[in-house]
Amino acid sequence: MPTVPKGLDCLIMSELFPKVTSDEIDHEQSIEDAKRDAEIAGDKPPHHDD
């Protein structure tokens, strides 16, 4: 009987495979999303130091 490496015995299928494959990713949109996330992070009021 084959053995399973430690830590892999309780994984489920969705943890093994990505939800989106690399050919489905819009790289231009990813760049825009990253810019927007950075802009949002920079717009925090000074009293929000989190």
N, C-alpha and C. Protein backbone atom coordinates (compact mmCIF):
# COMPACT_ATOMS: atom_id res chain seq x y z
N MET A 1 0.85 -1.18 0.00
CA MET A 1 0.00 0.00 0.00
C MET A 1 0.90 1.24 0.00
N PRO A 2 0.66 2.21 -0.92
CA PRO A 2 1.50 3.41 -0.98
C PRO A 2 1.25 4.32 0.23
N THR A 3 2.28 5.03 0.63
CA THR A 3 2.13 5.96 1.75
C THR A 3 2.01 7.37 1.20
N VAL A 4 1.33 8.21 1.94
CA VAL A 4 1.11 9.60 1.56
C VAL A 4 2.05 10.45 2.41
N PRO A 5 2.76 11.40 1.79
CA PRO A 5 3.65 12.27 2.57
C PRO A 5 2.89 12.99 3.68
N LYS A 6 3.58 13.22 4.78
CA LYS A 6 2.97 13.90 5.93
C LYS A 6 2.41 15.26 5.50
N GLY A 7 1.19 15.55 5.91
CA GLY A 7 0.56 16.82 5.58
C GLY A 7 -0.30 16.75 4.33
N LEU A 8 -0.10 15.74 3.49
CA LEU A 8 -0.90 15.62 2.27
C LEU A 8 -2.07 14.65 2.44
N ASP A 9 -2.18 14.06 3.61
CA ASP A 9 -3.22 13.06 3.82
C ASP A 9 -4.61 13.67 4.00
N CYS A 10 -4.70 14.99 4.24
CA CYS A 10 -6.01 15.59 4.48
C CYS A 10 -6.35 16.69 3.48
N LEU A 11 -5.60 16.81 2.40
CA LEU A 11 -5.90 17.82 1.40
C LEU A 11 -7.14 17.45 0.60
N ILE A 12 -7.86 18.45 0.18
CA ILE A 12 -9.00 18.22 -0.69
C ILE A 12 -8.63 18.69 -2.09
N MET A 13 -9.37 18.25 -3.08
CA MET A 13 -9.03 18.51 -4.48
C MET A 13 -8.88 20.01 -4.76
N SER A 14 -9.70 20.86 -4.18
CA SER A 14 -9.63 22.29 -4.47
C SER A 14 -8.35 22.92 -3.93
N GLU A 15 -7.70 22.27 -3.00
CA GLU A 15 -6.43 22.79 -2.49
C GLU A 15 -5.26 22.38 -3.39
N LEU A 16 -5.45 21.38 -4.22
CA LEU A 16 -4.39 20.90 -5.08
C LEU A 16 -4.30 21.66 -6.40
N PHE A 17 -5.43 22.12 -6.89
CA PHE A 17 -5.48 22.77 -8.19
C PHE A 17 -5.95 24.21 -8.04
N PRO A 18 -5.38 25.13 -8.80
CA PRO A 18 -5.80 26.53 -8.70
C PRO A 18 -7.22 26.72 -9.22
N LYS A 19 -7.90 27.73 -8.70
CA LYS A 19 -9.25 28.04 -9.18
C LYS A 19 -9.21 28.62 -10.58
N VAL A 20 -8.12 29.31 -10.89
CA VAL A 20 -7.93 29.92 -12.20
C VAL A 20 -6.59 29.46 -12.74
N THR A 21 -6.58 29.01 -13.97
CA THR A 21 -5.33 28.57 -14.57
C THR A 21 -4.63 29.76 -15.22
N SER A 22 -3.34 29.62 -15.48
CA SER A 22 -2.55 30.74 -16.01
C SER A 22 -3.06 31.24 -17.35
N ASP A 23 -3.67 30.38 -18.16
CA ASP A 23 -4.17 30.84 -19.46
C ASP A 23 -5.48 31.61 -19.33
N GLU A 24 -6.08 31.60 -18.14
CA GLU A 24 -7.32 32.34 -17.92
C GLU A 24 -7.09 33.72 -17.32
N ILE A 25 -5.86 34.01 -16.95
CA ILE A 25 -5.55 35.26 -16.27
C ILE A 25 -5.34 36.38 -17.28
N ASP A 26 -6.01 37.49 -17.05
CA ASP A 26 -5.82 38.70 -17.86
C ASP A 26 -4.72 39.49 -17.18
N HIS A 27 -3.50 39.44 -17.72
CA HIS A 27 -2.36 40.05 -17.08
C HIS A 27 -2.49 41.57 -16.98
N GLU A 28 -3.08 42.20 -17.97
CA GLU A 28 -3.29 43.64 -17.91
C GLU A 28 -4.24 44.00 -16.77
N GLN A 29 -5.28 43.21 -16.61
CA GLN A 29 -6.23 43.45 -15.52
C GLN A 29 -5.56 43.21 -14.17
N SER A 30 -4.69 42.23 -14.09
CA SER A 30 -3.97 41.96 -12.84
C SER A 30 -3.11 43.14 -12.44
N ILE A 31 -2.46 43.77 -13.41
CA ILE A 31 -1.63 44.94 -13.15
C ILE A 31 -2.50 46.10 -12.65
N GLU A 32 -3.63 46.31 -13.32
CA GLU A 32 -4.55 47.37 -12.90
C GLU A 32 -5.08 47.10 -11.50
N ASP A 33 -5.42 45.84 -11.21
CA ASP A 33 -5.92 45.49 -9.88
C ASP A 33 -4.86 45.76 -8.81
N ALA A 34 -3.61 45.44 -9.09
CA ALA A 34 -2.53 45.66 -8.13
C ALA A 34 -2.34 47.16 -7.89
N LYS A 35 -2.42 47.97 -8.96
CA LYS A 35 -2.29 49.41 -8.81
C LYS A 35 -3.43 49.96 -7.95
N ARG A 36 -4.63 49.47 -8.21
CA ARG A 36 -5.79 49.93 -7.45
C ARG A 36 -5.69 49.52 -5.99
N ASP A 37 -5.24 48.30 -5.72
CA ASP A 37 -5.06 47.85 -4.34
C ASP A 37 -4.05 48.72 -3.61
N ALA A 38 -2.97 49.09 -4.28
CA ALA A 38 -1.96 49.96 -3.68
C ALA A 38 -2.53 51.34 -3.41
N GLU A 39 -3.35 51.84 -4.34
CA GLU A 39 -3.98 53.15 -4.17
C GLU A 39 -4.93 53.13 -2.98
N ILE A 40 -5.71 52.08 -2.85
CA ILE A 40 -6.65 51.96 -1.73
C ILE A 40 -5.88 51.87 -0.42
N ALA A 41 -4.80 51.10 -0.38
CA ALA A 41 -4.00 50.97 0.83
C ALA A 41 -3.40 52.31 1.23
N GLY A 42 -3.04 53.13 0.26
CA GLY A 42 -2.46 54.44 0.54
C GLY A 42 -3.47 55.48 0.96
N ASP A 43 -4.76 55.23 0.74
CA ASP A 43 -5.79 56.20 1.04
C ASP A 43 -6.36 56.08 2.46
N LYS A 44 -5.73 55.27 3.31
CA LYS A 44 -6.24 55.11 4.67
C LYS A 44 -6.02 56.40 5.46
N PRO A 45 -7.00 56.77 6.25
CA PRO A 45 -6.82 57.94 7.12
C PRO A 45 -5.68 57.67 8.12
N PRO A 46 -5.04 58.73 8.61
CA PRO A 46 -3.90 58.57 9.51
C PRO A 46 -4.21 57.78 10.79
N HIS A 47 -5.45 57.84 11.26
CA HIS A 47 -5.79 57.13 12.49
C HIS A 47 -6.00 55.62 12.26
N HIS A 48 -5.90 55.17 11.04
CA HIS A 48 -6.01 53.74 10.73
C HIS A 48 -4.62 53.20 10.43
N ASP A 49 -3.91 52.83 11.44
CA ASP A 49 -2.54 52.36 11.29
C ASP A 49 -2.45 50.86 11.03
N ASP A 50 -3.54 50.19 10.86
CA ASP A 50 -3.53 48.72 10.65
C ASP A 50 -2.92 48.36 9.34
